[in-house]
Protein backbone atom coordinates (compact mmCIF):
# COMPACT_ATOMS: atom_id res chain seq x y z
CA UNK A 1 -124.79 39.14 238.64
CA UNK A 2 -128.16 37.83 238.48
CA UNK A 3 -131.35 40.13 237.50
CA UNK A 4 -132.85 39.67 241.49
CA UNK A 5 -129.32 40.73 242.77
CA UNK A 6 -129.28 43.98 240.39
CA UNK A 7 -133.13 44.54 241.26
CA UNK A 8 -132.14 44.61 244.70
CA UNK A 9 -129.19 46.71 244.89
CA UNK A 10 -130.26 49.44 242.31
CA UNK A 11 -134.16 49.63 242.66
CA UNK A 12 -133.67 52.70 245.44
CA UNK A 13 -131.29 54.37 243.17
CA UNK A 14 -133.30 54.10 240.35
CA UNK A 15 -136.50 55.37 242.10
CA UNK A 16 -134.87 58.33 243.56
CA UNK A 17 -133.72 59.50 240.08
CA UNK A 18 -137.32 58.97 238.81
CA UNK A 19 -138.76 60.73 241.43
CA UNK A 20 -136.35 63.54 240.75
CA UNK A 21 -137.33 63.56 237.36
CA UNK A 22 -140.92 63.45 237.74
CA UNK A 23 -141.73 64.80 241.42
CA UNK A 24 -144.90 62.22 241.67
CA UNK A 25 -143.96 59.43 244.24
CA UNK A 26 -146.51 57.40 242.62
CA UNK A 27 -145.41 57.86 238.92
CA UNK A 28 -141.96 57.32 240.14
CA UNK A 29 -143.15 54.11 241.62
CA UNK A 30 -144.88 53.10 238.23
CA UNK A 31 -141.81 54.04 236.06
CA UNK A 32 -139.30 52.25 238.20
CA UNK A 33 -141.07 48.93 237.64
CA UNK A 34 -141.51 50.15 233.97
CA UNK A 35 -137.72 50.48 233.75
CA UNK A 36 -136.89 47.04 235.77
CA UNK A 37 -139.51 45.43 233.39
CA UNK A 38 -137.68 46.89 230.39
CA UNK A 39 -134.33 45.54 232.08
CA UNK A 40 -135.66 42.07 232.75
CA UNK A 41 -136.92 41.85 228.90
CA UNK A 42 -133.46 42.70 227.52
CA UNK A 43 -131.43 40.68 230.12
CA UNK A 44 -131.43 37.80 227.72
CA UNK A 45 -127.96 39.55 226.62
CA UNK A 46 -125.01 40.35 228.05
CA UNK A 47 -125.55 43.43 230.96
CA UNK A 48 -123.31 46.06 230.15
CA UNK A 49 -120.06 46.97 232.35
CA UNK A 50 -121.32 49.79 234.27
CA UNK A 51 -125.14 48.64 235.20
CA UNK A 52 -125.89 51.24 237.29
CA UNK A 53 -125.30 54.17 234.26
CA UNK A 54 -127.01 51.60 231.74
CA UNK A 55 -130.20 51.36 234.65
CA UNK A 56 -130.44 55.27 234.42
CA UNK A 57 -130.49 55.33 231.01
CA UNK A 58 -133.11 53.03 230.77
CA UNK A 59 -134.96 55.02 233.35
CA UNK A 60 -134.44 58.26 231.67
CA UNK A 61 -135.83 56.91 228.43
CA UNK A 62 -138.80 55.09 230.20
CA UNK A 63 -139.61 58.65 231.55
CA UNK A 64 -139.46 60.43 228.28
CA UNK A 65 -141.71 57.88 226.83
CA UNK A 66 -144.24 58.39 229.63
CA UNK A 67 -144.02 61.94 228.54
CA UNK A 68 -144.63 61.44 225.30
CA UNK A 69 -147.55 59.04 225.48
CA UNK A 70 -149.12 61.73 228.25
CA UNK A 71 -148.79 64.77 226.54
CA UNK A 72 -152.23 65.86 226.03
CA UNK A 73 -152.98 64.87 230.06
CA UNK A 74 -153.53 67.28 232.64
CA UNK A 75 -150.96 68.34 235.24
CA UNK A 76 -150.86 66.43 238.27
CA UNK A 77 -152.69 67.81 241.58
CA UNK A 78 -150.77 69.86 244.04
CA UNK A 79 -147.88 68.14 245.75
CA UNK A 80 -149.84 68.12 248.92
CA UNK A 81 -152.50 66.56 247.86
CA UNK A 82 -150.45 63.72 246.19
CA UNK A 83 -148.52 63.68 249.53
CA UNK A 84 -151.85 63.17 251.42
CA UNK A 85 -153.43 60.40 248.92
CA UNK A 86 -150.41 58.12 248.45
CA UNK A 87 -149.10 57.55 252.29
CA UNK A 88 -149.15 54.07 253.31
CA UNK A 89 -148.16 52.27 256.23
CA UNK A 90 -144.57 50.79 256.12
CA UNK A 91 -146.13 47.53 256.20
CA UNK A 92 -148.13 48.31 252.79
CA UNK A 93 -145.19 49.72 251.26
CA UNK A 94 -142.57 46.41 252.00
CA UNK A 95 -146.01 44.36 250.98
CA UNK A 96 -146.39 46.24 247.58
CA UNK A 97 -142.30 46.14 246.97
CA UNK A 98 -142.39 42.30 247.65
CA UNK A 99 -145.02 41.70 245.28
CA UNK A 100 -143.39 43.59 242.76
CA UNK A 101 -139.97 41.66 243.12
CA UNK A 102 -142.14 38.45 242.71
CA UNK A 103 -143.54 39.63 239.79
CA UNK A 104 -140.44 40.72 237.86
CA UNK A 105 -139.12 37.07 238.76
CA UNK A 106 -142.04 35.62 237.41
CA UNK A 107 -141.81 37.26 234.23
CA UNK A 108 -138.53 36.87 233.95
CA UNK A 109 -139.21 32.89 233.17
CA UNK A 110 -141.86 33.79 230.29
CA UNK A 111 -140.82 33.78 226.68
CA UNK A 112 -139.78 36.95 225.32
CA UNK A 113 -142.74 37.50 223.37
CA UNK A 114 -145.24 36.27 226.21
CA UNK A 115 -143.52 38.77 228.35
CA UNK A 116 -143.18 41.62 226.00
CA UNK A 117 -146.98 41.32 225.47
CA UNK A 118 -147.89 41.12 228.57
CA UNK A 119 -145.51 44.36 229.90
CA UNK A 120 -147.46 46.24 226.99
CA UNK A 121 -150.81 45.32 227.40
CA UNK A 122 -150.96 44.66 231.29
CA UNK A 123 -148.69 47.13 232.81
CA UNK A 124 -148.30 49.85 230.18
CA UNK A 125 -152.02 50.00 229.15
CA UNK A 126 -151.68 49.55 225.41
CA UNK A 127 -154.70 48.72 223.77
CA UNK A 128 -154.37 45.19 221.81
CA UNK A 129 -153.70 46.96 218.09
CA UNK A 130 -151.23 49.31 219.77
CA UNK A 131 -149.43 46.50 221.29
CA UNK A 132 -149.33 44.51 218.13
CA UNK A 133 -147.93 47.20 216.25
CA UNK A 134 -145.19 47.92 218.74
CA UNK A 135 -144.04 43.93 218.46
CA UNK A 136 -144.81 44.10 214.65
CA UNK A 137 -147.38 41.01 214.99
CA UNK A 138 -150.97 40.46 214.25
CA UNK A 139 -153.31 41.13 216.84
CA UNK A 140 -154.47 37.31 216.99
CA UNK A 141 -150.77 36.35 217.34
CA UNK A 142 -150.67 38.90 220.53
CA UNK A 143 -153.71 37.23 221.90
CA UNK A 144 -152.38 34.30 221.84
CA UNK A 145 -149.03 35.28 223.19
CA UNK A 146 -151.07 37.00 226.15
CA UNK A 147 -153.31 34.02 226.98
CA UNK A 148 -150.39 31.87 227.06
CA UNK A 149 -148.03 34.25 229.17
CA UNK A 150 -151.16 35.10 231.52
CA UNK A 151 -151.77 31.45 232.26
CA UNK A 152 -148.14 30.47 232.77
CA UNK A 153 -147.82 33.71 234.97
CA UNK A 154 -150.71 32.97 236.84
CA UNK A 155 -149.30 28.99 237.36
CA UNK A 156 -145.52 30.12 238.24
CA UNK A 157 -147.11 32.80 241.10
CA UNK A 158 -149.36 30.10 242.42
CA UNK A 159 -146.61 27.46 242.54
CA UNK A 160 -144.42 30.35 244.80
CA UNK A 161 -147.23 30.75 247.18
CA UNK A 162 -147.15 26.96 247.29
CA UNK A 163 -150.39 25.67 245.69
CA UNK A 164 -150.99 22.64 244.10
CA UNK A 165 -151.38 22.93 240.22
């Protein structure tokens, strides 16, 4: 089973699980994306036998990491406000899911270091210094991975849309 098949088969299950933990639609969507980015990042190795259980374990740890990073932030607004603000049309929701799946496909094609740098800085919001510490590299090396990775990602996305480089 390849990465795209796993994503298509389990994305809704992972989202519902994270929604049950977080009680916040947007946060559950973000954490679902982070979960699959982590999964794609580690897919260079053989996947475990029970893929769904493994995905839920990764999702749970992603949720816990989020809680640790955001201990100091205020609680979310009441659920009714979240519902009013986050309702999107079915078309917008579909387009967002397609774009997310497309991003994951293209990220999977990058070198491991480039992918990790982009995930940490661009998707998780780490500072350059934090990301460099996480990857155990120098900031200038991280900048190089980001520059090359973003360039390659941009090229891959353009190719996917039919643009000529």
